[in-house]
């Protein structure tokens, strides 16, 4: 009887661990995004959320037909973004922003932020083709980035 209880507890615990591990792996996967493609979206910031695990931007931008499209854009976590000079006020509702992103493979208006600019001022670089908020493999345009400022 005791052996059955131990076996049942082990099976339940093991199943739970596999489910949690699968969810964590899916969360940290960028398979939904085309990391080989970059799209530049210009529009007005509707909302900027400075939250874990990833900051996010809702950007209202004109679509190909001229109708406004709401883009949902995932950025790095607040810790990584602050290390690159971002603050919770880096993007504010009403700001005119230009965001370079890796688009979703299915064409939906979602993206993984690569870099962002407000009023022509570039915010700390996200890091193309690496996970949101990670430093670029090589400096962009031949210049390095330190704490969000170009060097």
C-alpha atoms as a PDB file:
ATOM      1  CA  UNK A   1       0.000   0.000   0.000  1.00  0.00           C
ATOM      2  CA  UNK A   2       2.768   2.438   0.964  1.00  0.00           C
ATOM      3  CA  UNK A   3       4.679   1.585  -2.225  1.00  0.00           C
ATOM      4  CA  UNK A   4       1.579   2.507  -4.246  1.00  0.00           C
ATOM      5  CA  UNK A   5       1.354   5.895  -2.534  1.00  0.00           C
ATOM      6  CA  UNK A   6       5.030   6.563  -3.182  1.00  0.00           C
ATOM      7  CA  UNK A   7       4.619   5.542  -6.832  1.00  0.00           C
ATOM      8  CA  UNK A   8       1.522   7.725  -7.238  1.00  0.00           C
ATOM      9  CA  UNK A   9       3.252  10.735  -5.618  1.00  0.00           C
ATOM     10  CA  UNK A  10       6.291  10.220  -7.853  1.00  0.00           C
ATOM     11  CA  UNK A  11       4.137  10.051 -10.994  1.00  0.00           C
ATOM     12  CA  UNK A  12       2.121  13.136 -10.053  1.00  0.00           C
ATOM     13  CA  UNK A  13       5.261  15.080  -9.105  1.00  0.00           C
ATOM     14  CA  UNK A  14       7.094  14.018 -12.244  1.00  0.00           C
ATOM     15  CA  UNK A  15       4.180  14.957 -14.476  1.00  0.00           C
ATOM     16  CA  UNK A  16       3.908  18.380 -12.809  1.00  0.00           C
ATOM     17  CA  UNK A  17       7.649  18.956 -13.241  1.00  0.00           C
ATOM     18  CA  UNK A  18       7.447  18.090 -16.945  1.00  0.00           C
ATOM     19  CA  UNK A  19       4.505  20.436 -17.469  1.00  0.00           C
ATOM     20  CA  UNK A  20       6.287  23.319 -15.743  1.00  0.00           C
ATOM     21  CA  UNK A  21       9.513  22.658 -17.658  1.00  0.00           C
ATOM     22  CA  UNK A  22       7.602  22.561 -20.944  1.00  0.00           C
ATOM     23  CA  UNK A  23       5.863  25.858 -20.215  1.00  0.00           C
ATOM     24  CA  UNK A  24       9.162  27.482 -19.257  1.00  0.00           C
ATOM     25  CA  UNK A  25      10.851  26.246 -22.426  1.00  0.00           C
ATOM     26  CA  UNK A  26       7.967  27.482 -24.563  1.00  0.00           C
ATOM     27  CA  UNK A  27       8.051  30.877 -22.840  1.00  0.00           C
ATOM     28  CA  UNK A  28      11.741  31.355 -23.593  1.00  0.00           C
ATOM     29  CA  UNK A  29      11.481  30.198 -27.176  1.00  0.00           C
ATOM     30  CA  UNK A  30      11.540  32.704 -30.022  1.00  0.00           C
ATOM     31  CA  UNK A  31      10.352  30.169 -32.586  1.00  0.00           C
ATOM     32  CA  UNK A  32       7.217  32.265 -33.270  1.00  0.00           C
ATOM     33  CA  UNK A  33       9.404  35.128 -34.521  1.00  0.00           C
ATOM     34  CA  UNK A  34      11.359  35.268 -37.778  1.00  0.00           C
ATOM     35  CA  UNK A  35      14.774  36.149 -36.344  1.00  0.00           C
ATOM     36  CA  UNK A  36      16.234  36.468 -39.857  1.00  0.00           C
ATOM     37  CA  UNK A  37      13.843  39.275 -40.768  1.00  0.00           C
ATOM     38  CA  UNK A  38      13.565  42.794 -39.372  1.00  0.00           C
ATOM     39  CA  UNK A  39      10.638  45.139 -39.907  1.00  0.00           C
ATOM     40  CA  UNK A  40      10.502  48.825 -38.969  1.00  0.00           C
ATOM     41  CA  UNK A  41       7.164  50.005 -37.588  1.00  0.00           C
ATOM     42  CA  UNK A  42       6.454  53.713 -37.025  1.00  0.00           C
ATOM     43  CA  UNK A  43       3.522  54.800 -34.930  1.00  0.00           C
ATOM     44  CA  UNK A  44       2.178  56.186 -31.684  1.00  0.00           C
ATOM     45  CA  UNK A  45       2.777  54.483 -28.345  1.00  0.00           C
ATOM     46  CA  UNK A  46      -0.521  53.409 -26.807  1.00  0.00           C
ATOM     47  CA  UNK A  47       1.003  51.684 -23.783  1.00  0.00           C
ATOM     48  CA  UNK A  48       4.410  50.703 -22.421  1.00  0.00           C
ATOM     49  CA  UNK A  49       4.428  48.065 -19.692  1.00  0.00           C
ATOM     50  CA  UNK A  50       7.564  47.820 -17.542  1.00  0.00           C
ATOM     51  CA  UNK A  51       6.897  44.338 -16.163  1.00  0.00           C
ATOM     52  CA  UNK A  52       8.579  40.975 -15.732  1.00  0.00           C
ATOM     53  CA  UNK A  53       9.318  38.767 -17.521  1.00  0.00           C
ATOM     54  CA  UNK A  54       9.283  41.115 -20.557  1.00  0.00           C
ATOM     55  CA  UNK A  55       8.433  44.751 -21.032  1.00  0.00           C
ATOM     56  CA  UNK A  56       5.952  45.303 -23.827  1.00  0.00           C
ATOM     57  CA  UNK A  57       4.790  48.079 -26.128  1.00  0.00           C
ATOM     58  CA  UNK A  58       1.421  48.577 -27.760  1.00  0.00           C
ATOM     59  CA  UNK A  59       2.077  50.664 -30.868  1.00  0.00           C
ATOM     60  CA  UNK A  60      -0.643  52.100 -33.108  1.00  0.00           C
ATOM     61  CA  UNK A  61       0.692  52.231 -36.674  1.00  0.00           C
ATOM     62  CA  UNK A  62      -0.823  52.636 -40.126  1.00  0.00           C
ATOM     63  CA  UNK A  63      -1.159  49.377 -42.021  1.00  0.00           C
ATOM     64  CA  UNK A  64      -0.661  48.866 -45.769  1.00  0.00           C
ATOM     65  CA  UNK A  65      -4.294  49.855 -46.398  1.00  0.00           C
ATOM     66  CA  UNK A  66      -3.980  53.017 -44.288  1.00  0.00           C
ATOM     67  CA  UNK A  67      -6.071  51.643 -41.408  1.00  0.00           C
ATOM     68  CA  UNK A  68      -4.489  51.811 -37.956  1.00  0.00           C
ATOM     69  CA  UNK A  69      -3.102  48.490 -36.705  1.00  0.00           C
ATOM     70  CA  UNK A  70      -2.250  47.803 -33.070  1.00  0.00           C
ATOM     71  CA  UNK A  71       1.140  46.100 -32.765  1.00  0.00           C
ATOM     72  CA  UNK A  72       2.069  44.112 -29.646  1.00  0.00           C
ATOM     73  CA  UNK A  73       5.833  44.195 -29.238  1.00  0.00           C
ATOM     74  CA  UNK A  74       7.828  42.207 -26.681  1.00  0.00           C
ATOM     75  CA  UNK A  75      10.999  43.719 -25.268  1.00  0.00           C
ATOM     76  CA  UNK A  76      13.564  42.604 -22.741  1.00  0.00           C
ATOM     77  CA  UNK A  77      12.969  42.324 -19.022  1.00  0.00           C
ATOM     78  CA  UNK A  78      13.243  45.479 -16.908  1.00  0.00           C
ATOM     79  CA  UNK A  79      16.644  44.425 -15.514  1.00  0.00           C
ATOM     80  CA  UNK A  80      18.198  44.016 -18.932  1.00  0.00           C
ATOM     81  CA  UNK A  81      16.537  47.134 -20.288  1.00  0.00           C
ATOM     82  CA  UNK A  82      17.740  49.291 -17.365  1.00  0.00           C
ATOM     83  CA  UNK A  83      21.273  48.038 -17.923  1.00  0.00           C
ATOM     84  CA  UNK A  84      20.954  49.565 -21.406  1.00  0.00           C
ATOM     85  CA  UNK A  85      19.682  52.913 -20.172  1.00  0.00           C
ATOM     86  CA  UNK A  86      15.936  52.348 -20.372  1.00  0.00           C
ATOM     87  CA  UNK A  87      13.561  53.526 -17.638  1.00  0.00           C
ATOM     88  CA  UNK A  88       9.841  52.970 -17.051  1.00  0.00           C
ATOM     89  CA  UNK A  89       9.367  56.372 -18.755  1.00  0.00           C
ATOM     90  CA  UNK A  90      11.447  55.632 -21.875  1.00  0.00           C
ATOM     91  CA  UNK A  91       8.234  55.255 -23.863  1.00  0.00           C
ATOM     92  CA  UNK A  92       5.079  57.142 -22.921  1.00  0.00           C
ATOM     93  CA  UNK A  93       1.565  57.054 -24.365  1.00  0.00           C
ATOM     94  CA  UNK A  94       1.423  59.511 -27.249  1.00  0.00           C
ATOM     95  CA  UNK A  95       5.149  59.274 -28.083  1.00  0.00           C
ATOM     96  CA  UNK A  96       5.947  58.940 -31.772  1.00  0.00           C
ATOM     97  CA  UNK A  97       8.166  55.874 -31.952  1.00  0.00           C
ATOM     98  CA  UNK A  98      10.010  53.832 -34.532  1.00  0.00           C
ATOM     99  CA  UNK A  99      10.575  50.221 -33.532  1.00  0.00           C
ATOM    100  CA  UNK A 100      12.672  47.688 -35.412  1.00  0.00           C
ATOM    101  CA  UNK A 101      11.408  44.197 -34.652  1.00  0.00           C
ATOM    102  CA  UNK A 102      11.527  40.564 -35.628  1.00  0.00           C
ATOM    103  CA  UNK A 103       7.976  39.887 -36.867  1.00  0.00           C
ATOM    104  CA  UNK A 104       5.861  36.874 -36.042  1.00  0.00           C
ATOM    105  CA  UNK A 105       6.131  34.136 -38.636  1.00  0.00           C
ATOM    106  CA  UNK A 106       2.347  33.989 -39.072  1.00  0.00           C
ATOM    107  CA  UNK A 107       2.121  37.649 -40.131  1.00  0.00           C
ATOM    108  CA  UNK A 108       0.141  38.775 -37.069  1.00  0.00           C
ATOM    109  CA  UNK A 109       0.995  42.293 -35.782  1.00  0.00           C
ATOM    110  CA  UNK A 110       3.312  41.046 -33.050  1.00  0.00           C
ATOM    111  CA  UNK A 111       7.059  41.363 -32.788  1.00  0.00           C
ATOM    112  CA  UNK A 112      10.224  40.921 -30.777  1.00  0.00           C
ATOM    113  CA  UNK A 113      11.884  44.313 -30.294  1.00  0.00           C
ATOM    114  CA  UNK A 114      15.372  44.775 -31.715  1.00  0.00           C
ATOM    115  CA  UNK A 115      15.685  48.537 -31.205  1.00  0.00           C
ATOM    116  CA  UNK A 116      13.516  51.583 -30.626  1.00  0.00           C
ATOM    117  CA  UNK A 117      13.715  55.329 -31.226  1.00  0.00           C
ATOM    118  CA  UNK A 118      11.587  58.191 -29.948  1.00  0.00           C
ATOM    119  CA  UNK A 119      11.736  61.548 -31.742  1.00  0.00           C
ATOM    120  CA  UNK A 120      14.803  60.296 -33.631  1.00  0.00           C
ATOM    121  CA  UNK A 121      16.654  59.447 -30.385  1.00  0.00           C
ATOM    122  CA  UNK A 122      17.694  55.816 -30.239  1.00  0.00           C
ATOM    123  CA  UNK A 123      16.984  53.975 -27.018  1.00  0.00           C
ATOM    124  CA  UNK A 124      19.345  51.230 -25.803  1.00  0.00           C
ATOM    125  CA  UNK A 125      19.711  48.465 -28.379  1.00  0.00           C
ATOM    126  CA  UNK A 126      17.933  45.183 -27.713  1.00  0.00           C
ATOM    127  CA  UNK A 127      20.337  42.911 -29.574  1.00  0.00           C
ATOM    128  CA  UNK A 128      19.311  41.504 -32.924  1.00  0.00           C
ATOM    129  CA  UNK A 129      18.819  37.768 -33.205  1.00  0.00           C
ATOM    130  CA  UNK A 130      19.679  37.084 -29.594  1.00  0.00           C
ATOM    131  CA  UNK A 131      16.869  37.169 -27.041  1.00  0.00           C
ATOM    132  CA  UNK A 132      15.235  40.403 -26.035  1.00  0.00           C
ATOM    133  CA  UNK A 133      17.487  42.685 -24.078  1.00  0.00           C
ATOM    134  CA  UNK A 134      20.716  40.814 -24.723  1.00  0.00           C
ATOM    135  CA  UNK A 135      23.789  42.661 -25.953  1.00  0.00           C
ATOM    136  CA  UNK A 136      24.449  42.479 -29.683  1.00  0.00           C
ATOM    137  CA  UNK A 137      27.039  39.984 -30.896  1.00  0.00           C
ATOM    138  CA  UNK A 138      28.870  42.815 -32.630  1.00  0.00           C
ATOM    139  CA  UNK A 139      28.364  46.539 -32.217  1.00  0.00           C
ATOM    140  CA  UNK A 140      25.830  48.113 -34.564  1.00  0.00           C
ATOM    141  CA  UNK A 141      27.176  50.464 -37.210  1.00  0.00           C
ATOM    142  CA  UNK A 142      30.723  49.905 -35.966  1.00  0.00           C
ATOM    143  CA  UNK A 143      30.012  51.490 -32.581  1.00  0.00           C
ATOM    144  CA  UNK A 144      29.583  49.800 -29.229  1.00  0.00           C
ATOM    145  CA  UNK A 145      26.788  50.302 -26.730  1.00  0.00           C
ATOM    146  CA  UNK A 146      27.335  50.789 -23.026  1.00  0.00           C
ATOM    147  CA  UNK A 147      24.401  51.378 -20.707  1.00  0.00           C
ATOM    148  CA  UNK A 148      22.198  52.375 -23.612  1.00  0.00           C
ATOM    149  CA  UNK A 149      24.495  55.164 -24.796  1.00  0.00           C
ATOM    150  CA  UNK A 150      26.462  54.936 -28.015  1.00  0.00           C
ATOM    151  CA  UNK A 151      30.231  54.970 -27.608  1.00  0.00           C
END
